[in-house]
Structures are given as C-alpha cells and as structure tokens.
Amino acid sequence: MTILVGYLPTPEGEAAVDAGLREGRLRGERVIIVNSPRRGAPVDERKISDAAGTELLRRAREAGVDAELRQPLHDDDLPGTFEELIRECGGTLIVIGLRHRSLVGKFILGSEAQRILMEASVPVLSVKAPAVRAEL
C-alpha cells in the first residue's frame, strides 16, 4: 500500500512531507511524493529541481521509508491526478499541506486542497506549517 504526499516547495509542502514520512514509517507503507506541475505552463515555480527531488528522497531514506518522487502533469484537475495515482499505486492515504486563505481568496480562486479533501476516495491528512515566531 502507498501514501501519496502532495508537495510544493513551501513551508506547507515541507510539513506535508514530514507528516507523510512519519505516517509511512508508522504504517510500514511506501510513500510517493507528488509534485505536479501544470501542463503547458512555460515556467512553473512549483516544479522542483532534480537536486530538490534528490534531497526529498534522502530525507525519506533517513526516516527509514521507501519513497519515490513523481511529477505527473495536470490540467485543471489535480484531484483527478491524485485519484489516478490512488488506483495505480494502491493508495491508502493522501497527505497535503494547507495554508490560511481569506474567504474572498477561497471564493475567487477556489482551492485545489479543498477539492482534494472533498473528492478523494481515500482519507486525507491535512497539515499546517509550523507557526513562525518572531525573535525579540
């Protein structure tokens, strides 16, 4: 069985990887880190470099978790991309990072995370990035 972790190079993405690796170790399951750039975008800052991917896999090895990185392209249906991976890999859990958004931001832009939460056929673990404290 497999845990799918949605990853973007953000504090929320890092929190999702940390939680996904903990769950993978706890459950004895493989982890697939999913970094899904938008199809057709000439430049997508969400797509990670080979070096960043290598670092994520190193962290998984250090945690004692069998992991791989996948970067499937998606159109406007990121939840559908996750569903395809669930079917293909025997996914049992999705882990995603959430960030705070205003009500207006949610209304105007929608939310891929919200769609994943509502449409996923397996449980979804959502995590927040640790709060940053200002040093005095």
Protein backbone atom coordinates (compact mmCIF):
# COMPACT_ATOMS: atom_id res chain seq x y z
CA MET A 1 0.00 0.00 0.00
CA THR A 2 1.06 3.57 -0.62
CA ILE A 3 0.80 7.02 0.94
CA LEU A 4 0.64 9.94 -1.51
CA VAL A 5 2.11 13.25 -0.36
CA GLY A 6 1.27 16.43 -2.24
CA TYR A 7 4.40 18.56 -2.36
CA LEU A 8 5.13 22.14 -3.32
CA PRO A 9 8.36 23.90 -2.29
CA THR A 10 6.63 25.85 0.51
CA PRO A 11 6.53 25.54 4.30
CA GLU A 12 3.19 23.74 3.92
CA GLY A 13 4.75 21.32 1.44
CA GLU A 14 7.59 20.61 3.84
CA ALA A 15 5.08 19.95 6.63
CA ALA A 16 3.22 17.52 4.34
CA VAL A 17 6.43 15.61 3.56
CA ASP A 18 7.33 15.41 7.24
CA ALA A 19 3.86 14.11 8.13
CA GLY A 20 3.81 11.71 5.16
CA LEU A 21 7.16 10.21 6.10
CA ARG A 22 6.02 9.78 9.71
CA GLU A 23 2.86 8.02 8.51
CA GLY A 24 4.86 5.86 6.09
CA ARG A 25 7.18 4.73 8.84
CA LEU A 26 4.34 4.17 11.32
CA ARG A 27 2.26 2.14 8.83
CA GLY A 28 5.18 0.44 7.10
CA GLU A 29 3.96 1.81 3.76
CA ARG A 30 5.74 3.20 0.73
CA VAL A 31 5.49 6.96 0.13
CA ILE A 32 5.11 8.69 -3.20
CA ILE A 33 5.91 12.39 -3.11
CA VAL A 34 3.76 14.05 -5.77
CA ASN A 35 5.00 17.33 -7.26
CA SER A 36 2.54 18.02 -10.08
CA PRO A 37 3.28 20.95 -12.38
CA ARG A 38 0.52 22.41 -14.54
CA ARG A 39 0.52 21.03 -18.09
CA GLY A 40 1.51 23.60 -20.71
CA ALA A 41 2.91 26.17 -18.29
CA PRO A 42 6.15 27.52 -19.80
CA VAL A 43 7.57 28.05 -16.30
CA ASP A 44 6.08 26.62 -13.13
CA GLU A 45 7.77 27.68 -9.92
CA ARG A 46 6.05 24.78 -8.18
CA LYS A 47 8.06 22.21 -10.14
CA ILE A 48 11.08 21.19 -8.11
CA SER A 49 14.59 20.69 -9.43
CA ASP A 50 16.38 17.35 -9.64
CA ALA A 51 18.53 18.40 -6.68
CA ALA A 52 15.47 19.19 -4.56
CA GLY A 53 13.95 15.84 -5.52
CA THR A 54 17.14 14.05 -4.53
CA GLU A 55 17.06 15.83 -1.16
CA LEU A 56 13.45 14.73 -0.53
CA LEU A 57 14.37 11.11 -1.25
CA ARG A 58 17.41 11.39 1.03
CA ARG A 59 15.12 12.56 3.84
CA ALA A 60 12.88 9.55 3.23
CA ARG A 61 15.83 7.15 3.39
CA GLU A 62 16.98 8.75 6.65
CA ALA A 63 13.46 8.26 8.03
CA GLY A 64 13.61 4.59 7.02
CA VAL A 65 10.86 4.94 4.42
CA ASP A 66 10.79 3.55 0.89
CA ALA A 67 9.88 6.55 -1.26
CA GLU A 68 9.78 7.81 -4.80
CA LEU A 69 9.12 11.16 -6.44
CA ARG A 70 6.59 11.58 -9.22
CA GLN A 71 5.89 14.71 -11.24
CA PRO A 72 2.77 13.99 -13.29
CA LEU A 73 1.48 16.91 -15.32
CA HIS A 74 -2.05 18.05 -14.59
CA ASP A 75 -4.54 20.32 -16.31
CA ASP A 76 -7.24 21.82 -14.09
CA ASP A 77 -7.92 18.56 -12.28
CA LEU A 78 -5.27 17.97 -9.63
CA PRO A 79 -7.71 15.84 -7.57
CA GLY A 80 -8.14 13.64 -10.65
CA THR A 81 -4.36 13.24 -10.85
CA PHE A 82 -4.35 12.02 -7.25
CA GLU A 83 -7.22 9.61 -7.98
CA GLU A 84 -5.28 8.13 -10.90
CA LEU A 85 -2.29 7.57 -8.63
CA ILE A 86 -4.51 6.00 -5.95
CA ARG A 87 -5.80 3.47 -8.47
CA GLU A 88 -2.37 2.84 -9.98
CA CYS A 89 -0.42 2.50 -6.73
CA GLY A 90 -2.97 1.20 -4.24
CA GLY A 91 -3.04 4.49 -2.36
CA THR A 92 -4.40 4.37 1.18
CA LEU A 93 -3.88 7.96 2.31
CA ILE A 94 -3.22 11.42 0.86
CA VAL A 95 -1.21 13.96 2.87
CA ILE A 96 -1.41 17.64 1.92
CA GLY A 97 -0.29 20.91 3.46
CA LEU A 98 -2.81 23.69 3.96
CA ARG A 99 -2.25 27.41 4.22
CA HIS A 100 -4.57 30.04 5.59
CA ARG A 101 -6.64 31.80 2.94
CA SER A 102 -9.17 34.58 3.29
CA LEU A 103 -12.83 33.90 2.49
CA VAL A 104 -12.56 36.13 -0.58
CA GLY A 105 -9.45 34.25 -1.74
CA LYS A 106 -11.28 30.95 -1.40
CA PHE A 107 -14.30 32.27 -3.29
CA ILE A 108 -12.39 33.86 -6.17
CA LEU A 109 -9.62 31.33 -6.67
CA GLY A 110 -11.17 28.10 -5.44
CA SER A 111 -8.88 25.63 -3.76
CA GLU A 112 -7.18 22.52 -5.09
CA ALA A 113 -6.68 21.42 -1.48
CA GLN A 114 -10.39 21.80 -0.78
CA ARG A 115 -11.25 19.75 -3.86
CA ILE A 116 -8.81 17.02 -2.80
CA LEU A 117 -10.37 16.97 0.68
CA MET A 118 -13.89 16.71 -0.75
CA GLU A 119 -13.31 14.40 -3.72
CA ALA A 120 -10.63 11.92 -2.59
CA SER A 121 -11.64 8.28 -2.38
CA VAL A 122 -9.20 7.66 0.49
CA PRO A 123 -8.65 9.51 3.78
CA VAL A 124 -6.81 12.83 3.56
CA LEU A 125 -4.47 14.06 6.28
CA SER A 126 -4.09 17.83 6.09
CA VAL A 127 -1.32 19.59 7.98
CA LYS A 128 -0.25 23.16 8.57
CA ALA A 129 3.25 24.56 8.54
CA PRO A 130 4.64 25.33 11.96
CA ALA A 131 3.96 28.87 13.08
CA VAL A 132 6.92 31.20 12.72
CA ARG A 133 7.70 33.14 15.87
CA ALA A 134 9.43 36.48 15.73
CA GLU A 135 12.54 36.68 17.91
CA LEU A 136 12.71 39.74 20.15
